[in-house]
Amino acid sequence: QWIKPVIDMLMSGNAETVDYELKQIFSTCAEPGNYVRIVPDLRGVNPEMDDASDKNIKALLDAGDRFVDENKEILDNVANKLIHLNK
């Protein structure tokens, strides 16, 4: 059972490294606020990729709804920036 934590650390470490690098790159741009990392809190969700049980699907939907409710301003800003890119 030691392999799962190792895989999680490797995957998480890679994502954190990319996040750090992108923050550094965007900090030199005219609009550093254009980099946004969206990481919902998946508390109560089974992280197993093959868990498509009704309970887990509901937990995922609840986590998504909670994230949207808690981050409306950030999500609205991202949406507005994307809309203005196409004009």
C-alpha atoms as a PDB file:
ATOM      1  CA  GLN A   1       0.000   0.000   0.000  1.00  0.00           C
ATOM      2  CA  TRP A   2       3.007   2.322  -0.141  1.00  0.00           C
ATOM      3  CA  ILE A   3       2.707   3.007  -3.875  1.00  0.00           C
ATOM      4  CA  LYS A   4      -0.493   5.109  -3.713  1.00  0.00           C
ATOM      5  CA  PRO A   5       0.973   7.799  -1.430  1.00  0.00           C
ATOM      6  CA  VAL A   6       4.120   7.925  -3.574  1.00  0.00           C
ATOM      7  CA  ILE A   7       2.077   8.417  -6.759  1.00  0.00           C
ATOM      8  CA  ASP A   8       0.020  11.136  -5.054  1.00  0.00           C
ATOM      9  CA  MET A   9       3.205  12.940  -3.970  1.00  0.00           C
ATOM     10  CA  LEU A  10       4.687  12.726  -7.460  1.00  0.00           C
ATOM     11  CA  MET A  11       1.511  14.021  -9.116  1.00  0.00           C
ATOM     12  CA  SER A  12       1.004  16.788  -6.560  1.00  0.00           C
ATOM     13  CA  GLY A  13       4.640  17.840  -6.693  1.00  0.00           C
ATOM     14  CA  ASN A  14       4.481  18.167 -10.468  1.00  0.00           C
ATOM     15  CA  ALA A  15       1.321  20.303 -10.320  1.00  0.00           C
ATOM     16  CA  GLU A  16       2.823  22.550  -7.639  1.00  0.00           C
ATOM     17  CA  THR A  17       6.014  22.988  -9.658  1.00  0.00           C
ATOM     18  CA  VAL A  18       4.072  23.972 -12.781  1.00  0.00           C
ATOM     19  CA  ASP A  19       1.959  26.371 -10.697  1.00  0.00           C
ATOM     20  CA  TYR A  20       5.095  28.022  -9.293  1.00  0.00           C
ATOM     21  CA  GLU A  21       6.705  28.324 -12.724  1.00  0.00           C
ATOM     22  CA  LEU A  22       3.572  29.834 -14.293  1.00  0.00           C
ATOM     23  CA  LYS A  23       3.262  32.337 -11.436  1.00  0.00           C
ATOM     24  CA  GLN A  24       6.856  33.398 -12.091  1.00  0.00           C
ATOM     25  CA  ILE A  25       6.290  33.737 -15.835  1.00  0.00           C
ATOM     26  CA  PHE A  26       3.033  35.652 -15.461  1.00  0.00           C
ATOM     27  CA  SER A  27       4.547  37.963 -12.841  1.00  0.00           C
ATOM     28  CA  THR A  28       6.714  39.429 -15.611  1.00  0.00           C
ATOM     29  CA  CYS A  29       3.742  40.068 -17.911  1.00  0.00           C
ATOM     30  CA  ALA A  30       1.774  43.279 -18.262  1.00  0.00           C
ATOM     31  CA  GLU A  31      -1.204  41.595 -16.586  1.00  0.00           C
ATOM     32  CA  PRO A  32       0.027  39.054 -14.024  1.00  0.00           C
ATOM     33  CA  GLY A  33      -3.559  38.575 -12.816  1.00  0.00           C
ATOM     34  CA  ASN A  34      -4.299  36.641 -16.004  1.00  0.00           C
ATOM     35  CA  TYR A  35      -2.916  33.484 -14.412  1.00  0.00           C
ATOM     36  CA  VAL A  36      -5.538  31.810 -12.237  1.00  0.00           C
ATOM     37  CA  ARG A  37      -5.245  28.337 -10.769  1.00  0.00           C
ATOM     38  CA  ILE A  38      -8.556  26.803  -9.822  1.00  0.00           C
ATOM     39  CA  VAL A  39      -8.266  24.010  -7.262  1.00  0.00           C
ATOM     40  CA  PRO A  40     -11.566  22.924  -5.729  1.00  0.00           C
ATOM     41  CA  ASP A  41     -11.545  21.319  -2.296  1.00  0.00           C
ATOM     42  CA  LEU A  42     -12.783  17.769  -2.773  1.00  0.00           C
ATOM     43  CA  ARG A  43     -13.459  17.008   0.881  1.00  0.00           C
ATOM     44  CA  GLY A  44     -15.790  14.083   1.295  1.00  0.00           C
ATOM     45  CA  VAL A  45     -15.051  12.771  -2.208  1.00  0.00           C
ATOM     46  CA  ASN A  46     -13.452   9.415  -2.857  1.00  0.00           C
ATOM     47  CA  PRO A  47     -10.339  10.181  -4.950  1.00  0.00           C
ATOM     48  CA  GLU A  48     -10.395   6.815  -6.718  1.00  0.00           C
ATOM     49  CA  MET A  49     -10.775   7.476 -10.455  1.00  0.00           C
ATOM     50  CA  ASP A  50     -13.108   4.520 -10.958  1.00  0.00           C
ATOM     51  CA  ASP A  51     -15.585   5.391  -8.181  1.00  0.00           C
ATOM     52  CA  ALA A  52     -18.689   6.291 -10.185  1.00  0.00           C
ATOM     53  CA  SER A  53     -21.059   5.393  -7.381  1.00  0.00           C
ATOM     54  CA  ASP A  54     -24.126   7.567  -6.861  1.00  0.00           C
ATOM     55  CA  LYS A  55     -22.724   8.656  -3.500  1.00  0.00           C
ATOM     56  CA  ASN A  56     -19.411   9.784  -4.980  1.00  0.00           C
ATOM     57  CA  ILE A  57     -21.018  11.520  -7.972  1.00  0.00           C
ATOM     58  CA  LYS A  58     -23.236  13.451  -5.546  1.00  0.00           C
ATOM     59  CA  ALA A  59     -20.182  14.335  -3.431  1.00  0.00           C
ATOM     60  CA  LEU A  60     -18.404  15.618  -6.571  1.00  0.00           C
ATOM     61  CA  LEU A  61     -21.422  17.707  -7.579  1.00  0.00           C
ATOM     62  CA  ASP A  62     -21.701  19.101  -4.035  1.00  0.00           C
ATOM     63  CA  ALA A  63     -17.987  19.961  -4.004  1.00  0.00           C
ATOM     64  CA  GLY A  64     -18.376  21.746  -7.361  1.00  0.00           C
ATOM     65  CA  ASP A  65     -21.404  23.707  -6.164  1.00  0.00           C
ATOM     66  CA  ARG A  66     -19.615  24.642  -2.930  1.00  0.00           C
ATOM     67  CA  PHE A  67     -16.540  25.797  -4.876  1.00  0.00           C
ATOM     68  CA  VAL A  68     -18.647  27.980  -7.181  1.00  0.00           C
ATOM     69  CA  ASP A  69     -20.507  29.504  -4.224  1.00  0.00           C
ATOM     70  CA  GLU A  70     -17.246  30.268  -2.392  1.00  0.00           C
ATOM     71  CA  ASN A  71     -15.408  31.632  -5.466  1.00  0.00           C
ATOM     72  CA  LYS A  72     -18.025  33.488  -7.517  1.00  0.00           C
ATOM     73  CA  GLU A  73     -15.890  36.623  -7.857  1.00  0.00           C
ATOM     74  CA  ILE A  74     -12.826  34.781  -9.148  1.00  0.00           C
ATOM     75  CA  LEU A  75     -14.898  32.708 -11.567  1.00  0.00           C
ATOM     76  CA  ASP A  76     -16.775  35.797 -12.815  1.00  0.00           C
ATOM     77  CA  ASN A  77     -13.443  37.561 -13.444  1.00  0.00           C
ATOM     78  CA  VAL A  78     -12.129  34.591 -15.422  1.00  0.00           C
ATOM     79  CA  ALA A  79     -15.355  34.400 -17.446  1.00  0.00           C
ATOM     80  CA  ASN A  80     -15.240  38.138 -18.191  1.00  0.00           C
ATOM     81  CA  LYS A  81     -11.628  37.934 -19.356  1.00  0.00           C
ATOM     82  CA  LEU A  82     -12.476  35.034 -21.659  1.00  0.00           C
ATOM     83  CA  ILE A  83     -15.497  36.873 -23.067  1.00  0.00           C
ATOM     84  CA  HIS A  84     -13.446  39.996 -23.759  1.00  0.00           C
ATOM     85  CA  LEU A  85     -10.774  37.961 -25.564  1.00  0.00           C
ATOM     86  CA  ASN A  86     -13.311  37.153 -28.251  1.00  0.00           C
ATOM     87  CA  LYS A  87     -14.405  40.765 -28.840  1.00  0.00           C
END
